[in-house]
């Protein structure tokens, strides 16, 4: 049965559908030795699909993981600078998985990884507005005024965003620990929001996403998501 190539790549657990589309546009995908184009279809039983010259793996067991990402690791699968990648931390799994969304190199905390493209798309798609909670350590001259600004609509990269919630966990005259909840999840959104409010972020940790909490999982450690957690992330009852 033929399917769009980006869907087949995602279903094989190699990368998300969006990333697969980018790979196709970049000329990194071929079908039977011929460079593929967006919109092309293939039959995984009859055609040979390659990404970066490597044959697409067959579908197997689905994996859903939670990782407590340490500072200093990137979540991009193709890093031209050769920096440490989060997938190195789950190597003992023995199966290829990829990050669901991103945390920048200097951020820490909750990160999901999977080889289920449909699951990844459901969690990442902006239309589903999956809430994310960050604990943010900041410094600044007027914390109270900055928090008030963070609670109002802001223009980030030409798009209007607004935090779902901003609370002071611990506050001092020139520094604080904040809890910031957002729904959009744009690139470095919390850092950019804090910068607009006159605050400098010294530490950023994601502690919750889609109602699933990081809890006591140690830095650099990972575990499999429970069935209840997967159901919650998929928005099913």
Protein backbone atom coordinates (compact mmCIF):
# COMPACT_ATOMS: atom_id res chain seq x y z
CA UNK A 1 0.00 0.00 0.00
CA UNK A 2 1.44 3.36 -1.00
CA UNK A 3 1.72 6.23 1.50
CA UNK A 4 3.32 9.64 1.46
CA UNK A 5 7.04 9.24 2.06
CA UNK A 6 7.16 11.60 5.04
CA UNK A 7 4.48 9.50 6.75
CA UNK A 8 6.45 6.30 6.14
CA UNK A 9 9.64 7.86 7.55
CA UNK A 10 7.75 9.06 10.62
CA UNK A 11 6.03 5.68 11.12
CA UNK A 12 9.41 3.94 10.96
CA UNK A 13 10.50 6.02 13.95
CA UNK A 14 13.35 7.77 12.20
CA UNK A 15 12.10 11.32 12.77
CA UNK A 16 8.93 13.36 13.06
CA UNK A 17 6.79 13.99 9.98
CA UNK A 18 7.81 17.65 9.92
CA UNK A 19 11.49 16.72 10.08
CA UNK A 20 10.91 14.16 7.32
CA UNK A 21 9.44 16.86 5.09
CA UNK A 22 12.53 19.00 5.73
CA UNK A 23 14.78 16.04 4.87
CA UNK A 24 12.90 15.44 1.61
CA UNK A 25 13.15 19.13 0.68
CA UNK A 26 16.88 19.03 1.43
CA UNK A 27 17.37 16.13 -1.01
CA UNK A 28 18.31 13.63 1.69
CA UNK A 29 15.61 11.08 0.82
CA UNK A 30 15.53 8.69 -2.15
CA UNK A 31 13.16 6.00 -3.38
CA UNK A 32 14.76 3.18 -5.37
CA UNK A 33 17.82 5.37 -5.84
CA UNK A 34 15.90 8.39 -7.17
CA UNK A 35 15.70 11.60 -5.12
CA UNK A 36 12.23 12.00 -3.63
CA UNK A 37 10.07 15.12 -3.69
CA UNK A 38 7.42 16.41 -1.33
CA UNK A 39 4.12 14.70 -2.07
CA UNK A 40 5.74 11.56 -3.49
CA UNK A 41 4.40 8.20 -2.37
CA UNK A 42 5.97 4.77 -1.96
CA UNK A 43 5.09 1.23 -0.94
CA UNK A 44 7.33 0.16 1.97
CA UNK A 45 6.89 -3.50 0.96
CA UNK A 46 8.00 -2.98 -2.64
CA UNK A 47 10.18 0.16 -2.66
CA UNK A 48 13.55 0.86 -1.08
CA UNK A 49 13.47 4.16 0.82
CA UNK A 50 16.74 5.66 2.02
CA UNK A 51 17.50 8.66 4.23
CA UNK A 52 21.05 9.98 4.07
CA UNK A 53 21.94 6.83 2.14
CA UNK A 54 20.66 4.47 4.84
CA UNK A 55 17.68 2.20 4.24
CA UNK A 56 14.56 3.03 6.21
CA UNK A 57 14.15 0.65 9.16
CA UNK A 58 11.06 -1.52 9.28
CA UNK A 59 8.34 -0.75 11.79
CA UNK A 60 8.78 -2.53 15.08
CA UNK A 61 7.93 -2.07 18.74
CA UNK A 62 6.83 1.43 19.70
CA UNK A 63 8.72 3.17 22.48
CA UNK A 64 7.62 6.14 24.60
CA UNK A 65 10.23 7.56 26.97
CA UNK A 66 10.66 10.38 29.44
CA UNK A 67 14.17 11.79 29.86
CA UNK A 68 15.44 14.33 32.39
CA UNK A 69 17.65 16.21 29.93
CA UNK A 70 20.89 17.58 31.39
CA UNK A 71 22.33 20.95 30.47
CA UNK A 72 24.81 20.75 27.59
CA UNK A 73 22.95 18.29 25.34
CA UNK A 74 21.23 19.21 22.07
CA UNK A 75 17.95 17.76 20.83
CA UNK A 76 18.60 18.17 17.08
CA UNK A 77 19.41 14.88 15.37
CA UNK A 78 21.82 16.45 12.88
CA UNK A 79 24.22 18.80 14.66
CA UNK A 80 27.00 20.16 12.49
CA UNK A 81 29.04 21.13 15.55
CA UNK A 82 29.27 17.58 16.87
CA UNK A 83 27.80 18.40 20.28
CA UNK A 84 26.43 15.79 22.67
CA UNK A 85 22.96 14.57 21.66
CA UNK A 86 20.17 13.45 23.99
CA UNK A 87 19.81 10.18 22.07
CA UNK A 88 23.20 9.17 23.50
CA UNK A 89 21.56 9.04 26.93
CA UNK A 90 19.03 6.38 25.87
CA UNK A 91 21.42 4.20 23.87
CA UNK A 92 20.87 1.23 26.16
CA UNK A 93 17.29 1.02 24.88
CA UNK A 94 18.64 -0.66 21.75
CA UNK A 95 16.11 1.01 19.45
CA UNK A 96 16.25 4.31 17.60
CA UNK A 97 14.09 7.07 19.08
CA UNK A 98 13.96 10.81 18.54
CA UNK A 99 12.97 13.81 20.69
CA UNK A 100 9.37 15.03 20.76
CA UNK A 101 9.91 18.77 20.45
CA UNK A 102 13.04 20.52 21.66
CA UNK A 103 14.87 21.93 24.65
CA UNK A 104 17.78 24.21 23.86
CA UNK A 105 21.31 23.19 24.81
CA UNK A 106 21.31 25.23 28.02
CA UNK A 107 17.86 24.12 29.23
CA UNK A 108 17.09 21.06 31.33
CA UNK A 109 14.26 18.79 32.34
CA UNK A 110 11.38 16.87 30.86
CA UNK A 111 11.81 15.62 27.30
CA UNK A 112 9.81 12.88 25.60
CA UNK A 113 11.42 10.56 23.05
CA UNK A 114 9.65 8.07 20.80
CA UNK A 115 9.73 6.15 17.52
CA UNK A 116 5.99 6.67 17.00
CA UNK A 117 5.53 9.50 14.53
CA UNK A 118 1.79 9.84 15.09
CA UNK A 119 2.34 10.21 18.85
CA UNK A 120 5.04 12.83 18.28
CA UNK A 121 2.85 14.81 15.89
CA UNK A 122 -0.08 14.73 18.34
CA UNK A 123 2.03 16.08 21.20
CA UNK A 124 3.87 18.72 19.13
CA UNK A 125 1.13 20.08 16.89
CA UNK A 126 0.29 23.69 17.86
CA UNK A 127 -3.46 23.11 17.42
CA UNK A 128 -3.49 20.82 20.45
CA UNK A 129 -1.91 23.48 22.72
CA UNK A 130 -0.19 20.97 24.99
CA UNK A 131 0.72 22.94 28.13
CA UNK A 132 4.33 23.04 29.30
CA UNK A 133 5.45 24.16 32.76
CA UNK A 134 8.94 25.57 33.34
CA UNK A 135 10.75 26.46 36.55
CA UNK A 136 12.81 29.49 35.66
CA UNK A 137 15.54 31.08 37.76
CA UNK A 138 15.94 34.76 36.85
CA UNK A 139 17.70 37.95 37.92
CA UNK A 140 16.50 41.51 37.41
CA UNK A 141 15.99 44.90 39.02
CA UNK A 142 12.21 44.74 39.51
CA UNK A 143 10.87 41.19 39.74
CA UNK A 144 7.28 42.17 40.54
CA UNK A 145 7.04 44.49 37.53
CA UNK A 146 8.65 41.87 35.28
CA UNK A 147 6.18 39.18 36.39
CA UNK A 148 3.29 41.54 35.64
CA UNK A 149 4.74 42.03 32.14
CA UNK A 150 5.17 38.26 31.64
CA UNK A 151 1.46 37.75 32.30
CA UNK A 152 0.44 40.05 29.43
CA UNK A 153 0.49 39.29 25.67
CA UNK A 154 3.93 39.56 24.05
CA UNK A 155 5.29 39.65 20.51
CA UNK A 156 7.80 36.83 20.02
CA UNK A 157 9.36 36.51 16.57
CA UNK A 158 6.40 38.31 15.02
CA UNK A 159 3.77 36.17 16.76
CA UNK A 160 1.61 37.25 19.71
CA UNK A 161 1.86 34.82 22.61
CA UNK A 162 0.61 34.86 26.18
CA UNK A 163 1.63 32.71 29.11
CA UNK A 164 -1.10 30.57 30.63
CA UNK A 165 0.30 31.26 34.06
CA UNK A 166 3.24 32.95 35.79
CA UNK A 167 3.85 32.49 39.52
CA UNK A 168 6.66 33.38 41.88
CA UNK A 169 7.93 30.22 43.61
CA UNK A 170 10.65 32.05 45.54
CA UNK A 171 11.18 35.78 45.31
CA UNK A 172 13.87 38.25 46.39
CA UNK A 173 14.45 41.90 45.43
CA UNK A 174 16.80 41.12 42.53
CA UNK A 175 16.26 37.41 41.76
CA UNK A 176 13.51 34.82 41.79
CA UNK A 177 12.40 31.34 40.87
CA UNK A 178 9.32 31.50 38.66
CA UNK A 179 6.86 28.89 37.41
CA UNK A 180 5.87 29.72 33.82
CA UNK A 181 3.19 27.81 31.91
CA UNK A 182 2.87 28.17 28.13
CA UNK A 183 0.85 26.46 25.41
CA UNK A 184 2.59 27.45 22.19
CA UNK A 185 6.10 26.08 22.74
CA UNK A 186 7.86 28.31 20.22
CA UNK A 187 11.66 28.26 19.88
CA UNK A 188 13.26 29.49 23.14
CA UNK A 189 9.93 31.10 24.01
CA UNK A 190 10.32 31.35 27.78
CA UNK A 191 13.83 32.80 27.49
CA UNK A 192 12.65 35.40 24.97
CA UNK A 193 9.64 36.31 27.11
CA UNK A 194 11.85 36.83 30.15
CA UNK A 195 14.26 38.94 28.13
CA UNK A 196 11.42 41.19 26.97
CA UNK A 197 10.35 41.58 30.60
CA UNK A 198 13.86 42.72 31.58
CA UNK A 199 14.92 39.47 33.21
CA UNK A 200 18.04 37.33 32.69
CA UNK A 201 17.46 33.57 32.82
CA UNK A 202 20.16 31.76 34.80
CA UNK A 203 18.49 28.33 34.76
CA UNK A 204 15.51 26.84 32.93
CA UNK A 205 13.97 23.45 33.72
CA UNK A 206 10.84 21.96 32.12
CA UNK A 207 8.99 20.10 34.85
CA UNK A 208 5.67 19.20 33.21
CA UNK A 209 4.18 18.71 29.74
CA UNK A 210 0.64 17.74 28.85
CA UNK A 211 -0.13 17.02 32.50
CA UNK A 212 2.76 14.53 32.79
CA UNK A 213 5.26 15.55 35.48
CA UNK A 214 9.03 15.05 35.59
CA UNK A 215 8.80 14.15 39.27
CA UNK A 216 11.89 12.73 40.98
CA UNK A 217 13.58 11.37 37.83
CA UNK A 218 17.31 12.10 38.19
CA UNK A 219 19.21 14.29 35.75
CA UNK A 220 20.36 12.23 32.75
CA UNK A 221 18.06 9.32 33.65
CA UNK A 222 15.12 8.05 31.60
CA UNK A 223 12.13 5.78 32.01
CA UNK A 224 9.27 4.45 29.91
CA UNK A 225 5.99 6.34 30.01
CA UNK A 226 3.09 4.53 31.62
CA UNK A 227 -0.05 3.68 29.67
CA UNK A 228 -1.95 6.33 31.63
CA UNK A 229 0.65 8.97 30.74
CA UNK A 230 0.53 8.08 27.05
CA UNK A 231 -3.26 8.27 27.12
CA UNK A 232 -3.12 11.66 28.83
CA UNK A 233 -0.70 13.04 26.23
CA UNK A 234 -2.89 11.81 23.40
CA UNK A 235 -5.86 13.57 24.97
CA UNK A 236 -7.89 10.39 25.29
CA UNK A 237 -10.11 9.39 28.19
